[in-house]
């Protein structure tokens, strides 16, 4: 068992190879979907991936399905019906997307020059993370209800979700898990460093199972505390910890759906675009989870010409595609300064360049490891050995790369064939803050459309990509509502005639949020004190359920 979850429960009789999971580090394999969702991180430190990416052989017939029905088609390829029966999976999906404001869930908007914008911000917290975290919250609930059938009191399986956030992940996770039975949620954020709207979205949720902890430190400190808790034998002997950040496979899985959905939306909207035609997806990229979902869609059969990575000035991914080297380049002092405090720029980890698109301010991309495994696996397959050997080699290669990253701050250059394989699917662009502001201003001036700074990074990258592939439509992913980053939007548009943020941008759901009751605890930057607090709160929650 690991974190209270029984391991290696996926049978060849009940699960296809795409419904069984292994670790990118090569030591853990044969896991069921439920196991990887509840565990989050593999015991060898790796990330879970399916043993095989399924082929969606009938994907063309999905064209006219609703978002929910399309999600069922995609997800059922990765989830055995022996774990979640078809009707149950459909019910989970329907509940997950009933909270979205747009009937189409993720509407596609045409901008100009065959560049289209996929609006992913119509969920409860106005960010793309809702598309996955609403689903993950309902998955947790489903698995716990089943585990706890007929059980009472201390015999019930109680999940303690612990996470660190610099903004959007926290509110999306809280909204996905609020009010769920047998779940306690602890979200750590750096005190005074997240944007006011993001802090309010978290701290005004008053459900008894939600606990916001404001750490007197930076985002690094919050992450370190969470990592220490997951590694601590004491808390793991008494509590079952769960993860909700983008290392959780269910988040990647849920995001595959909107790649297929947006493709079909374009078929319906654009008369000259037909099933089977290729397009490019351009994705504002930090931790690599969003664009990784696009890679899975491509491998499943979606006709993708290229997946374009759009980074800000924290460009470790752009540099990898240009050099084959994956290296941290921490900055400090005046060189690191930038962005806007009002938009939460101070919530980042140490060493990043502060930018106007703070959700992408990262030193390393946590989900990139999953793509590295597939690149290494493909390279190993050229040796002509059997599949078991190829998988073992891939795990060993990834383990060696990640060890170098930890000890030396980087690795590479990777083999020429591996980099060529990466280039065959991906392209990359790096966008500066000034280019971000110019793009926001230009699209508002020309079209009256307001982009948030992260989406603007993607749109600027789309404009460049169009110059190389002018005959291919581009779908750029819009990851957040512009009201969530009011500082950058106002900075870009303050001189535009007639522009008023409250009239043009601010949604009614944000008005009066600062007047609502808040619940948050300030905690010291001390993992052992946080551990004791978490144990104490969960103990009280469990005791109250017995009464």
Protein backbone atom coordinates (compact mmCIF):
# COMPACT_ATOMS: atom_id res chain seq x y z
CA UNK A 1 0.00 0.00 0.00
CA UNK A 2 1.02 3.63 -0.55
CA UNK A 3 -0.74 6.55 1.15
CA UNK A 4 -3.40 4.06 2.19
CA UNK A 5 -4.16 3.01 -1.39
CA UNK A 6 -3.77 -0.62 -2.40
CA UNK A 7 -1.46 -0.91 -5.40
CA UNK A 8 -1.21 -2.86 -8.64
CA UNK A 9 -4.91 -3.61 -8.98
CA UNK A 10 -5.37 -3.42 -12.78
CA UNK A 11 -5.92 -6.85 -14.30
CA UNK A 12 -5.34 -7.75 -17.93
CA UNK A 13 -8.75 -9.43 -17.89
CA UNK A 14 -10.63 -6.25 -17.01
CA UNK A 15 -8.36 -3.46 -18.29
CA UNK A 16 -6.94 -2.67 -21.71
CA UNK A 17 -3.33 -1.47 -21.84
CA UNK A 18 -4.58 2.15 -22.05
CA UNK A 19 -6.54 1.57 -18.82
CA UNK A 20 -3.48 0.38 -16.87
CA UNK A 21 -0.88 2.82 -15.63
CA UNK A 22 2.87 2.90 -15.01
CA UNK A 23 5.36 5.38 -13.58
CA UNK A 24 7.66 7.47 -15.75
CA UNK A 25 10.56 6.40 -13.51
CA UNK A 26 10.01 2.73 -14.33
CA UNK A 27 9.57 1.10 -10.92
CA UNK A 28 5.77 1.19 -10.50
CA UNK A 29 3.37 -0.41 -12.99
CA UNK A 30 0.06 -2.21 -13.34
CA UNK A 31 -2.04 0.42 -11.59
CA UNK A 32 -5.75 1.02 -12.00
CA UNK A 33 -7.25 4.42 -12.75
CA UNK A 34 -8.60 4.70 -9.20
CA UNK A 35 -5.18 4.01 -7.74
CA UNK A 36 -3.40 6.67 -9.78
CA UNK A 37 -6.11 9.27 -9.06
CA UNK A 38 -5.98 8.71 -5.29
CA UNK A 39 -2.19 8.37 -5.13
CA UNK A 40 -1.34 11.31 -7.41
CA UNK A 41 2.44 10.76 -7.37
CA UNK A 42 4.12 7.38 -7.90
CA UNK A 43 6.09 5.93 -4.99
CA UNK A 44 9.31 6.09 -7.06
CA UNK A 45 8.82 9.84 -7.55
CA UNK A 46 7.56 9.52 -11.11
CA UNK A 47 4.30 10.54 -12.76
CA UNK A 48 1.61 8.15 -13.95
CA UNK A 49 0.94 7.55 -17.64
CA UNK A 50 -1.11 4.90 -19.45
CA UNK A 51 0.86 1.84 -20.57
CA UNK A 52 -0.31 2.66 -24.08
CA UNK A 53 -2.04 5.65 -25.69
CA UNK A 54 -5.29 4.38 -27.22
CA UNK A 55 -6.23 4.90 -30.83
CA UNK A 56 -9.58 6.70 -31.17
CA UNK A 57 -10.43 4.77 -34.32
CA UNK A 58 -13.96 6.17 -34.56
CA UNK A 59 -13.16 9.78 -33.66
CA UNK A 60 -14.67 11.18 -36.88
CA UNK A 61 -18.10 9.91 -35.80
CA UNK A 62 -17.93 12.07 -32.64
CA UNK A 63 -18.41 15.32 -34.60
CA UNK A 64 -21.94 16.14 -33.46
CA UNK A 65 -21.71 14.97 -29.86
CA UNK A 66 -22.26 17.34 -26.94
CA UNK A 67 -19.23 18.19 -24.82
CA UNK A 68 -20.42 15.77 -22.16
CA UNK A 69 -20.99 12.87 -24.56
CA UNK A 70 -17.65 13.55 -26.23
CA UNK A 71 -15.98 13.49 -22.80
CA UNK A 72 -17.48 10.05 -22.18
CA UNK A 73 -16.06 8.74 -25.46
CA UNK A 74 -12.56 10.02 -24.65
CA UNK A 75 -12.46 9.14 -20.96
CA UNK A 76 -13.84 5.63 -21.36
CA UNK A 77 -10.77 4.73 -23.44
CA UNK A 78 -8.65 5.33 -20.32
CA UNK A 79 -11.04 4.11 -17.59
CA UNK A 80 -12.09 0.47 -17.36
CA UNK A 81 -15.85 -0.09 -17.02
CA UNK A 82 -14.94 -2.58 -14.28
CA UNK A 83 -13.81 0.46 -12.24
CA UNK A 84 -16.48 2.98 -13.22
CA UNK A 85 -19.52 1.51 -15.01
CA UNK A 86 -20.62 3.50 -18.10
CA UNK A 87 -23.69 5.13 -16.54
CA UNK A 88 -21.72 6.15 -13.46
CA UNK A 89 -19.01 7.74 -15.62
CA UNK A 90 -21.66 9.63 -17.59
CA UNK A 91 -23.20 10.89 -14.33
CA UNK A 92 -19.79 12.09 -13.06
CA UNK A 93 -19.16 13.94 -16.33
CA UNK A 94 -22.62 15.55 -16.36
CA UNK A 95 -22.22 16.79 -12.78
CA UNK A 96 -18.75 18.13 -13.53
CA UNK A 97 -19.82 20.35 -16.42
CA UNK A 98 -23.22 21.41 -15.06
CA UNK A 99 -21.36 24.18 -13.19
CA UNK A 100 -20.16 25.92 -16.39
CA UNK A 101 -21.78 29.15 -17.58
CA UNK A 102 -21.43 28.43 -21.32
CA UNK A 103 -23.80 25.87 -22.84
CA UNK A 104 -20.97 24.76 -25.14
CA UNK A 105 -18.64 24.46 -22.07
CA UNK A 106 -15.55 25.65 -24.04
CA UNK A 107 -16.75 27.99 -26.84
CA UNK A 108 -14.58 28.66 -29.90
CA UNK A 109 -14.36 32.32 -30.99
CA UNK A 110 -12.97 33.44 -34.35
CA UNK A 111 -10.48 36.32 -34.08
CA UNK A 112 -8.80 37.11 -37.42
CA UNK A 113 -6.51 35.64 -40.10
CA UNK A 114 -7.78 32.12 -39.37
CA UNK A 115 -6.76 32.40 -35.71
CA UNK A 116 -9.45 31.12 -33.36
CA UNK A 117 -9.61 31.38 -29.58
CA UNK A 118 -10.74 28.49 -27.38
CA UNK A 119 -12.33 30.04 -24.29
CA UNK A 120 -11.57 27.73 -21.37
CA UNK A 121 -12.66 30.13 -18.62
CA UNK A 122 -16.39 29.51 -18.31
CA UNK A 123 -16.18 27.35 -15.19
CA UNK A 124 -16.85 28.42 -11.58
CA UNK A 125 -13.47 30.14 -11.02
CA UNK A 126 -13.04 31.64 -14.52
CA UNK A 127 -9.89 29.63 -15.33
CA UNK A 128 -9.08 26.63 -17.55
CA UNK A 129 -8.27 24.53 -14.49
CA UNK A 130 -11.99 24.18 -13.79
CA UNK A 131 -12.27 21.90 -16.85
CA UNK A 132 -10.21 19.30 -15.00
CA UNK A 133 -10.73 20.06 -11.32
CA UNK A 134 -14.52 19.93 -11.40
CA UNK A 135 -14.10 16.41 -12.83
CA UNK A 136 -11.37 15.46 -10.33
CA UNK A 137 -13.50 16.60 -7.39
CA UNK A 138 -16.38 14.42 -8.52
CA UNK A 139 -14.02 11.48 -9.09
CA UNK A 140 -12.75 11.75 -5.52
CA UNK A 141 -16.32 11.81 -4.27
CA UNK A 142 -17.31 8.79 -6.37
CA UNK A 143 -14.39 6.66 -5.22
CA UNK A 144 -14.92 7.60 -1.57
CA UNK A 145 -18.65 6.90 -1.61
CA UNK A 146 -17.90 3.44 -3.00
CA UNK A 147 -15.10 2.74 -0.53
CA UNK A 148 -17.26 3.84 2.37
CA UNK A 149 -20.45 1.98 1.54
CA UNK A 150 -21.79 0.47 4.78
CA UNK A 151 -18.95 1.92 6.86
CA UNK A 152 -19.31 4.29 9.77
CA UNK A 153 -17.04 6.42 11.94
CA UNK A 154 -13.32 5.72 11.83
CA UNK A 155 -13.77 2.84 9.42
CA UNK A 156 -14.58 5.30 6.64
CA UNK A 157 -11.85 6.18 4.11
CA UNK A 158 -11.16 9.90 4.60
CA UNK A 159 -9.04 11.75 2.03
CA UNK A 160 -6.93 14.73 3.08
CA UNK A 161 -6.07 16.84 0.06
CA UNK A 162 -3.05 19.08 0.55
CA UNK A 163 -1.87 21.53 -2.09
CA UNK A 164 0.18 24.66 -2.67
CA UNK A 165 -1.03 27.45 -4.92
CA UNK A 166 0.19 30.71 -6.37
CA UNK A 167 -3.36 31.51 -7.45
CA UNK A 168 -5.69 29.69 -9.84
CA UNK A 169 -5.03 26.08 -8.78
CA UNK A 170 -6.16 26.84 -5.24
CA UNK A 171 -9.54 28.32 -6.10
CA UNK A 172 -10.26 25.71 -8.81
CA UNK A 173 -9.38 22.85 -6.43
CA UNK A 174 -11.47 24.34 -3.64
CA UNK A 175 -14.49 24.79 -5.91
CA UNK A 176 -14.07 21.22 -7.11
CA UNK A 177 -13.95 19.73 -3.61
CA UNK A 178 -16.07 22.06 -1.47
CA UNK A 179 -18.77 20.26 0.49
CA UNK A 180 -17.61 16.77 -0.56
CA UNK A 181 -18.11 14.12 2.12
CA UNK A 182 -15.02 12.35 3.51
CA UNK A 183 -12.65 14.96 2.05
CA UNK A 184 -10.69 17.63 3.87
CA UNK A 185 -8.99 20.28 1.71
CA UNK A 186 -5.93 22.24 2.84
CA UNK A 187 -4.69 24.85 0.39
CA UNK A 188 -1.47 26.71 1.21
CA UNK A 189 -0.76 30.09 -0.39
CA UNK A 190 2.00 32.64 0.29
CA UNK A 191 0.50 35.32 2.50
CA UNK A 192 0.01 38.64 0.72
CA UNK A 193 1.51 37.41 -2.55
CA UNK A 194 -1.44 36.10 -4.55
CA UNK A 195 -3.70 38.53 -6.40
CA UNK A 196 -6.63 39.95 -4.42
CA UNK A 197 -9.25 38.30 -6.65
CA UNK A 198 -7.56 34.89 -6.41
CA UNK A 199 -7.27 35.17 -2.64
CA UNK A 200 -10.92 36.17 -2.34
CA UNK A 201 -12.06 33.28 -4.53
CA UNK A 202 -10.35 30.92 -2.07
CA UNK A 203 -11.02 32.52 1.29
CA UNK A 204 -14.72 33.31 0.78
CA UNK A 205 -15.53 29.60 0.44
CA UNK A 206 -16.89 28.75 3.89
CA UNK A 207 -17.63 25.03 3.51
CA UNK A 208 -16.51 23.19 6.64
CA UNK A 209 -14.16 20.86 4.75
CA UNK A 210 -12.17 23.73 3.17
CA UNK A 211 -9.15 25.20 4.97
CA UNK A 212 -7.07 28.04 3.55
CA UNK A 213 -3.63 28.41 5.09
CA UNK A 214 -1.71 31.65 4.48
CA UNK A 215 1.98 30.81 4.89
CA UNK A 216 4.35 33.56 6.04
CA UNK A 217 6.77 32.91 3.18
CA UNK A 218 6.90 32.52 -0.59
CA UNK A 219 5.49 29.93 -2.98
CA UNK A 220 8.65 27.81 -2.70
CA UNK A 221 8.01 27.53 1.02
CA UNK A 222 4.43 26.39 0.41
CA UNK A 223 5.58 23.74 -2.07
CA UNK A 224 8.32 22.55 0.27
CA UNK A 225 5.80 22.13 3.10
CA UNK A 226 3.50 20.06 0.88
CA UNK A 227 6.39 17.87 -0.32
CA UNK A 228 7.51 17.38 3.30
CA UNK A 229 4.01 16.29 4.29
CA UNK A 230 3.81 13.69 1.52
CA UNK A 231 7.24 12.35 2.56
CA UNK A 232 6.53 12.34 6.31
CA UNK A 233 5.93 8.86 7.80
CA UNK A 234 4.07 10.31 10.80
CA UNK A 235 1.22 12.02 8.94
CA UNK A 236 1.06 9.25 6.33
CA UNK A 237 0.58 6.66 9.06
CA UNK A 238 -2.60 8.39 10.24
CA UNK A 239 -3.98 10.28 7.22
CA UNK A 240 -4.52 9.40 3.56
CA UNK A 241 -3.10 12.29 1.57
CA UNK A 242 -4.25 13.20 -1.94
CA UNK A 243 -2.93 15.59 -4.61
CA UNK A 244 -4.83 17.93 -6.93
CA UNK A 245 -2.08 19.75 -8.81
CA UNK A 246 -1.27 18.97 -12.42
CA UNK A 247 0.79 15.89 -11.57
CA UNK A 248 -2.56 14.10 -11.05
CA UNK A 249 -3.27 12.12 -14.22
CA UNK A 250 -7.02 12.83 -14.10
CA UNK A 251 -6.32 16.50 -14.79
CA UNK A 252 -4.44 15.73 -18.00
CA UNK A 253 -7.12 13.24 -19.03
CA UNK A 254 -10.00 15.70 -18.66
CA UNK A 255 -8.17 18.30 -20.74
CA UNK A 256 -7.85 15.98 -23.77
CA UNK A 257 -11.57 16.43 -24.36
CA UNK A 258 -11.50 20.08 -25.37
CA UNK A 259 -8.96 19.44 -28.12
CA UNK A 260 -11.41 17.13 -29.85
CA UNK A 261 -14.33 19.42 -29.04
CA UNK A 262 -12.64 22.52 -30.48
CA UNK A 263 -11.68 20.63 -33.64
CA UNK A 264 -15.33 19.73 -34.23
CA UNK A 265 -16.38 23.30 -33.38
CA UNK A 266 -14.11 24.56 -36.14
CA UNK A 267 -15.58 22.03 -38.60
CA UNK A 268 -19.03 23.42 -37.83
CA UNK A 269 -17.99 27.07 -37.96
CA UNK A 270 -15.64 27.11 -40.95
CA UNK A 271 -17.14 25.88 -44.22
CA UNK A 272 -13.76 25.16 -45.84
CA UNK A 273 -12.47 23.12 -42.89
CA UNK A 274 -13.43 19.46 -43.09
CA UNK A 275 -13.00 16.34 -40.97
CA UNK A 276 -9.47 15.09 -41.56
CA UNK A 277 -7.96 18.53 -42.25
CA UNK A 278 -5.03 19.52 -40.06
CA UNK A 279 -4.77 22.49 -37.72
CA UNK A 280 -2.33 23.93 -35.19
CA UNK A 281 -2.95 24.37 -31.49
CA UNK A 282 -1.10 27.16 -29.68
CA UNK A 283 -0.94 26.81 -25.91
CA UNK A 284 0.29 29.29 -23.27
CA UNK A 285 2.61 26.98 -21.37
CA UNK A 286 4.09 26.84 -17.88
CA UNK A 287 3.88 23.40 -16.28
CA UNK A 288 3.19 21.66 -19.62
CA UNK A 289 -0.05 19.96 -18.55
CA UNK A 290 -2.39 21.79 -20.94
CA UNK A 291 -0.31 21.17 -24.06
CA UNK A 292 0.46 17.61 -22.95
CA UNK A 293 -3.27 16.88 -23.20
CA UNK A 294 -3.01 18.06 -26.81
CA UNK A 295 -0.18 15.58 -27.38
CA UNK A 296 -2.42 12.75 -26.17
CA UNK A 297 -5.20 13.94 -28.51
CA UNK A 298 -2.70 13.95 -31.40
CA UNK A 299 -1.46 10.46 -30.55
CA UNK A 300 -5.08 9.25 -30.36
CA UNK A 301 -5.61 10.33 -33.97
CA UNK A 302 -6.66 14.00 -33.99
CA UNK A 303 -5.18 15.61 -37.15
CA UNK A 304 -2.74 18.07 -35.58
CA UNK A 305 -0.16 19.79 -37.78
CA UNK A 306 1.83 21.13 -34.82
CA UNK A 307 1.39 21.85 -31.12
CA UNK A 308 2.95 25.27 -30.52
CA UNK A 309 4.38 25.94 -27.06
CA UNK A 310 4.01 29.61 -26.08
CA UNK A 311 6.20 30.61 -23.13
CA UNK A 312 6.78 33.96 -21.50
CA UNK A 313 10.29 35.07 -20.53
CA UNK A 314 10.60 31.99 -18.29
CA UNK A 315 11.59 30.01 -21.33
CA UNK A 316 13.10 26.67 -20.26
CA UNK A 317 10.82 24.87 -22.73
CA UNK A 318 11.53 27.19 -25.64
CA UNK A 319 15.26 26.74 -25.00
CA UNK A 320 14.89 22.94 -24.96
CA UNK A 321 13.27 22.92 -28.39
CA UNK A 322 15.99 25.22 -29.74
CA UNK A 323 19.04 23.53 -28.15
CA UNK A 324 18.08 20.09 -26.83
CA UNK A 325 19.20 21.23 -23.37
CA UNK A 326 16.78 21.42 -20.44
CA UNK A 327 18.40 23.81 -17.97
CA UNK A 328 17.23 25.97 -15.13
CA UNK A 329 18.30 29.59 -15.50
CA UNK A 330 17.44 31.25 -12.20
CA UNK A 331 17.63 35.03 -12.01
CA UNK A 332 17.72 37.35 -9.01
CA UNK A 333 17.73 41.00 -8.04
CA UNK A 334 16.69 43.63 -10.60
CA UNK A 335 16.91 41.08 -13.43
CA UNK A 336 14.10 39.06 -11.83
CA UNK A 337 11.77 42.00 -11.22
CA UNK A 338 8.72 42.67 -13.37
CA UNK A 339 5.03 41.98 -13.61
CA UNK A 340 2.42 43.47 -11.31
CA UNK A 341 1.87 42.88 -7.60
CA UNK A 342 -1.88 43.35 -8.11
CA UNK A 343 -1.92 40.32 -10.43
CA UNK A 344 -0.09 38.07 -7.95
CA UNK A 345 3.39 38.25 -9.45
CA UNK A 346 5.05 37.87 -6.02
CA UNK A 347 3.54 34.42 -5.44
CA UNK A 348 6.11 32.65 -7.61
CA UNK A 349 8.98 30.36 -6.70
CA UNK A 350 12.48 31.77 -6.19
CA UNK A 351 14.61 32.32 -9.28
CA UNK A 352 11.94 33.05 -11.88
CA UNK A 353 11.63 36.19 -13.96
CA UNK A 354 8.54 38.05 -12.79
CA UNK A 355 6.19 38.70 -15.72
CA UNK A 356 2.74 39.97 -16.61
CA UNK A 357 1.64 36.33 -17.10
CA UNK A 358 2.47 35.03 -13.60
CA UNK A 359 0.73 31.63 -13.89
CA UNK A 360 3.52 30.72 -16.34
CA UNK A 361 6.39 31.98 -14.15
CA UNK A 362 8.19 28.67 -13.59
CA UNK A 363 11.78 27.40 -13.49
CA UNK A 364 10.91 23.84 -14.54
CA UNK A 365 7.74 22.30 -16.00
CA UNK A 366 6.40 19.57 -13.77
CA UNK A 367 4.50 17.69 -16.50
CA UNK A 368 7.32 17.73 -19.05
CA UNK A 369 8.53 14.46 -17.51
CA UNK A 370 5.55 12.68 -19.07
CA UNK A 371 6.50 13.77 -22.59
CA UNK A 372 10.15 12.90 -21.91
CA UNK A 373 9.09 9.31 -21.18
CA UNK A 374 7.31 8.99 -24.53
CA UNK A 375 10.28 10.52 -26.36
CA UNK A 376 12.67 8.11 -24.60
CA UNK A 377 10.34 5.18 -25.25
CA UNK A 378 10.22 5.96 -28.95
CA UNK A 379 14.01 6.20 -29.09
CA UNK A 380 14.43 2.91 -27.20
CA UNK A 381 12.10 1.18 -29.68
CA UNK A 382 14.61 1.80 -32.50
CA UNK A 383 16.93 -0.78 -30.88
CA UNK A 384 14.62 -3.59 -31.97
CA UNK A 385 14.12 -5.12 -28.52
CA UNK A 386 10.77 -6.14 -26.98
CA UNK A 387 8.26 -3.71 -25.47
CA UNK A 388 9.12 -4.56 -21.86
CA UNK A 389 12.75 -3.64 -22.54
CA UNK A 390 11.70 -0.39 -24.26
CA UNK A 391 9.60 0.66 -21.28
CA UNK A 392 12.38 -0.19 -18.83
CA UNK A 393 14.89 1.80 -20.88
CA UNK A 394 12.54 4.79 -21.05
CA UNK A 395 12.08 4.77 -17.25
CA UNK A 396 15.84 4.55 -16.68
CA UNK A 397 16.53 7.39 -19.14
CA UNK A 398 13.92 9.66 -17.54
CA UNK A 399 15.24 8.80 -14.07
CA UNK A 400 18.78 9.76 -15.15
CA UNK A 401 17.62 13.03 -16.74
CA UNK A 402 15.62 14.04 -13.68
CA UNK A 403 18.52 13.18 -11.39
CA UNK A 404 20.77 15.46 -13.44
CA UNK A 405 18.14 18.18 -13.27
CA UNK A 406 18.02 17.90 -9.48
CA UNK A 407 21.77 17.72 -8.88
CA UNK A 408 23.15 19.82 -11.75
CA UNK A 409 20.26 22.11 -12.62
CA UNK A 410 19.72 20.58 -16.04
CA UNK A 411 20.44 17.85 -18.56
CA UNK A 412 21.23 17.47 -22.24
CA UNK A 413 21.65 17.97 -25.02
CA UNK A 414 19.46 14.93 -25.60
CA UNK A 415 20.11 12.53 -28.49
CA UNK A 416 19.62 14.10 -31.92
CA UNK A 417 16.87 11.59 -32.75
CA UNK A 418 14.97 12.47 -29.55
CA UNK A 419 15.05 16.18 -30.33
CA UNK A 420 13.97 15.49 -33.91
CA UNK A 421 11.05 13.47 -32.57
CA UNK A 422 10.06 16.41 -30.34
CA UNK A 423 10.27 18.78 -33.32
CA UNK A 424 8.04 16.55 -35.43
CA UNK A 425 5.08 17.31 -33.15
CA UNK A 426 5.94 20.55 -31.35
CA UNK A 427 7.07 24.06 -32.19
CA UNK A 428 7.83 26.81 -29.68
CA UNK A 429 7.75 30.58 -29.23
CA UNK A 430 8.92 32.95 -26.49
CA UNK A 431 6.88 36.11 -25.85
CA UNK A 432 8.05 39.12 -23.83
CA UNK A 433 5.95 41.31 -21.53
CA UNK A 434 6.04 44.20 -24.00
CA UNK A 435 4.80 41.92 -26.77
CA UNK A 436 2.06 40.71 -24.42
CA UNK A 437 0.85 44.27 -23.79
CA UNK A 438 1.02 45.14 -27.48
CA UNK A 439 -1.09 42.09 -28.36
CA UNK A 440 -3.76 42.90 -25.74
CA UNK A 441 -3.94 46.47 -27.04
CA UNK A 442 -3.99 45.51 -30.73
CA UNK A 443 -6.79 42.95 -30.44
CA UNK A 444 -8.92 45.26 -28.33
CA UNK A 445 -8.34 48.18 -30.70
CA UNK A 446 -9.10 46.13 -33.81
CA UNK A 447 -11.72 43.64 -32.62
CA UNK A 448 -12.95 44.89 -29.25
CA UNK A 449 -11.86 41.58 -27.69
CA UNK A 450 -10.11 41.67 -24.29
CA UNK A 451 -7.38 39.05 -23.81
CA UNK A 452 -5.88 38.15 -20.46
CA UNK A 453 -2.05 38.28 -20.48
CA UNK A 454 -1.59 34.48 -20.67
CA UNK A 455 -3.99 34.21 -23.59
CA UNK A 456 -2.17 37.14 -25.22
CA UNK A 457 1.07 35.15 -25.07
CA UNK A 458 -0.69 32.39 -26.99
CA UNK A 459 -2.21 34.76 -29.56
CA UNK A 460 1.14 36.46 -30.24
CA UNK A 461 2.70 33.03 -30.75
CA UNK A 462 -0.18 32.19 -33.11
CA UNK A 463 0.53 35.27 -35.23
CA UNK A 464 4.14 34.14 -35.62
CA UNK A 465 3.20 30.53 -36.32
CA UNK A 466 0.79 31.68 -39.03
CA UNK A 467 3.73 33.18 -40.94
CA UNK A 468 5.28 29.70 -41.14
CA UNK A 469 2.01 27.82 -41.76
CA UNK A 470 -0.37 30.31 -43.40
CA UNK A 471 -2.54 27.60 -44.93
CA UNK A 472 -3.32 25.91 -41.59
CA UNK A 473 -6.00 27.19 -39.15
CA UNK A 474 -4.75 27.98 -35.63
CA UNK A 475 -6.64 27.46 -32.39
CA UNK A 476 -5.08 29.38 -29.51
CA UNK A 477 -6.10 28.37 -25.99
CA UNK A 478 -7.45 31.11 -23.72
CA UNK A 479 -6.69 30.00 -20.19
CA UNK A 480 -8.21 32.70 -17.96
CA UNK A 481 -10.85 35.41 -17.93
CA UNK A 482 -9.22 38.86 -18.28
CA UNK A 483 -10.78 40.04 -15.01
CA UNK A 484 -8.46 37.67 -13.12
CA UNK A 485 -5.48 39.74 -14.26
CA UNK A 486 -6.92 43.21 -14.09
CA UNK A 487 -3.55 44.90 -13.63
CA UNK A 488 -2.06 43.80 -16.95
CA UNK A 489 -5.31 44.38 -18.85
CA UNK A 490 -5.67 47.90 -17.43
CA UNK A 491 -1.99 48.65 -18.15
CA UNK A 492 -2.45 47.62 -21.78
CA UNK A 493 -5.77 49.39 -22.36
CA UNK A 494 -5.69 52.43 -20.08
CA UNK A 495 -5.23 54.80 -23.04
CA UNK A 496 -7.90 53.21 -25.23
CA UNK A 497 -10.80 55.64 -25.84
CA UNK A 498 -13.85 54.72 -23.81
CA UNK A 499 -12.30 51.69 -22.11
CA UNK A 500 -13.68 51.10 -18.64
CA UNK A 501 -12.61 47.90 -16.89
CA UNK A 502 -15.78 47.63 -14.81
CA UNK A 503 -17.99 47.89 -17.90
CA UNK A 504 -15.95 45.93 -20.45
CA UNK A 505 -14.38 43.17 -18.36
CA UNK A 506 -15.60 42.69 -14.79
CA UNK A 507 -18.11 39.81 -14.47
CA UNK A 508 -21.00 40.24 -12.01
CA UNK A 509 -19.73 37.25 -10.01
CA UNK A 510 -16.66 39.28 -8.97
CA UNK A 511 -18.62 42.30 -7.76
CA UNK A 512 -18.91 42.44 -3.97
CA UNK A 513 -16.58 39.49 -3.43
CA UNK A 514 -14.47 41.64 -1.11
CA UNK A 515 -17.52 42.23 1.11
CA UNK A 516 -18.13 38.56 1.79
CA UNK A 517 -17.13 36.70 4.94
CA UNK A 518 -13.66 35.16 4.73
CA UNK A 519 -12.04 32.20 6.47
CA UNK A 520 -8.26 31.81 6.44
CA UNK A 521 -5.58 30.85 8.97
CA UNK A 522 -2.11 32.37 9.03
CA UNK A 523 0.57 29.73 9.59
CA UNK A 524 4.32 29.91 10.11
CA UNK A 525 6.74 28.69 7.46
CA UNK A 526 7.34 25.47 9.41
CA UNK A 527 6.24 22.16 7.90
CA UNK A 528 6.01 20.38 11.25
CA UNK A 529 3.64 23.02 12.61
CA UNK A 530 1.52 22.76 9.47
CA UNK A 531 1.53 18.96 9.87
CA UNK A 532 0.32 19.21 13.46
CA UNK A 533 -2.37 21.71 12.46
CA UNK A 534 -3.62 19.51 9.61
CA UNK A 535 -3.73 16.44 11.86
CA UNK A 536 -5.60 18.37 14.55
CA UNK A 537 -8.20 19.79 12.15
CA UNK A 538 -8.84 16.44 10.46
CA UNK A 539 -9.14 14.75 13.85
CA UNK A 540 -11.79 17.28 14.87
CA UNK A 541 -13.65 16.78 11.57
CA UNK A 542 -13.65 13.01 12.08
CA UNK A 543 -14.77 13.35 15.70
CA UNK A 544 -17.65 15.64 14.70
CA UNK A 545 -18.86 13.03 12.19
CA UNK A 546 -19.03 10.43 14.96
CA UNK A 547 -21.33 12.58 17.07
